[in-house]
Amino acid sequence: MGSGLVFVFYQVYVRVWAAPVRQADGSLILWLGGAANRNQDVFEQRFRKIAQEIESEVKVATGSGVPAQVPSPAGP
């Protein structure tokens, strides 16, 4: 029981997801989202780093110099 309580109170749950969405004009954008149950400041820094890495990979893959719109985890 003691080890179960330690696990429950010290386990950090982090979820990050990406969803491709087709807009009305036919273009494809990538929505990123995430959630963490603890230490949201560190999670936000990690999320921004992940978003920047994805953005740079998309630029290289598409060959476009147009920056992608990546929303902040806190909202617009």
Protein backbone atom coordinates (compact mmCIF):
# COMPACT_ATOMS: atom_id res chain seq x y z
CA MET A 1 0.00 0.00 0.00
CA GLY A 2 2.84 2.36 0.83
CA SER A 3 4.55 1.84 -2.51
CA GLY A 4 1.22 2.40 -4.27
CA LEU A 5 0.80 5.76 -2.54
CA VAL A 6 4.33 6.78 -3.44
CA PHE A 7 3.68 5.85 -7.06
CA VAL A 8 0.40 7.78 -7.20
CA PHE A 9 1.77 10.97 -5.67
CA TYR A 10 5.13 11.10 -7.47
CA GLN A 11 4.22 9.79 -10.92
CA VAL A 12 4.14 12.52 -13.58
CA TYR A 13 1.74 12.05 -16.47
CA VAL A 14 2.61 13.83 -19.71
CA ARG A 15 0.69 13.56 -22.98
CA VAL A 16 1.63 15.13 -26.30
CA TRP A 17 -0.35 14.65 -29.47
CA ALA A 18 -0.37 15.90 -33.05
CA ALA A 19 -3.29 15.91 -35.46
CA PRO A 20 -3.17 16.82 -39.16
CA VAL A 21 -6.16 18.96 -40.11
CA ARG A 22 -7.26 19.93 -43.61
CA GLN A 23 -8.49 23.51 -43.87
CA ALA A 24 -11.31 24.77 -46.08
CA ASP A 25 -8.84 25.90 -48.76
CA GLY A 26 -7.37 22.40 -48.96
CA SER A 27 -4.12 23.14 -47.15
CA LEU A 28 -2.96 20.85 -44.38
CA ILE A 29 -1.93 22.12 -40.95
CA LEU A 30 -0.66 20.26 -37.91
CA TRP A 31 -2.30 20.87 -34.56
CA LEU A 32 -0.15 20.13 -31.53
CA GLY A 33 -1.43 19.68 -28.02
CA GLY A 34 -0.27 18.40 -24.69
CA ALA A 35 -1.04 18.09 -21.02
CA ALA A 36 0.86 17.40 -17.82
CA ASN A 37 -0.44 16.85 -14.32
CA ARG A 38 2.57 18.44 -12.58
CA ASN A 39 5.32 20.96 -13.27
CA GLN A 40 3.55 22.79 -16.09
CA ASP A 41 6.37 25.34 -16.51
CA VAL A 42 8.93 22.68 -17.44
CA PHE A 43 6.34 20.95 -19.61
CA GLU A 44 5.68 24.19 -21.49
CA GLN A 45 9.41 24.61 -22.19
CA ARG A 46 9.67 21.02 -23.45
CA PHE A 47 6.51 21.42 -25.54
CA ARG A 48 7.86 24.57 -27.18
CA LYS A 49 11.13 22.78 -27.98
CA ILE A 50 9.21 19.86 -29.54
CA ALA A 51 7.09 22.31 -31.56
CA GLN A 52 10.20 24.13 -32.82
CA GLU A 53 11.83 20.84 -33.82
CA ILE A 54 8.70 19.76 -35.71
CA GLU A 55 8.48 23.16 -37.39
CA SER A 56 12.11 22.99 -38.55
CA GLU A 57 11.62 19.43 -39.86
CA VAL A 58 8.51 20.48 -41.78
CA LYS A 59 10.41 23.39 -43.34
CA VAL A 60 13.22 21.06 -44.45
CA ALA A 61 10.80 18.41 -45.75
CA THR A 62 8.66 20.86 -47.74
CA GLY A 63 11.52 23.12 -48.78
CA SER A 64 9.42 26.18 -48.02
CA GLY A 65 10.74 29.15 -46.12
CA VAL A 66 7.25 29.94 -44.88
CA PRO A 67 7.09 29.51 -41.10
CA ALA A 68 4.36 27.25 -39.80
CA GLN A 69 1.84 28.56 -37.33
CA VAL A 70 2.38 26.73 -34.03
CA PRO A 71 -0.01 27.77 -31.27
CA SER A 72 1.17 28.14 -27.72
CA PRO A 73 0.10 25.46 -25.22
CA ALA A 74 -1.49 28.19 -23.13
CA GLY A 75 -3.67 29.32 -26.02
CA PRO A 76 -3.53 32.16 -28.58
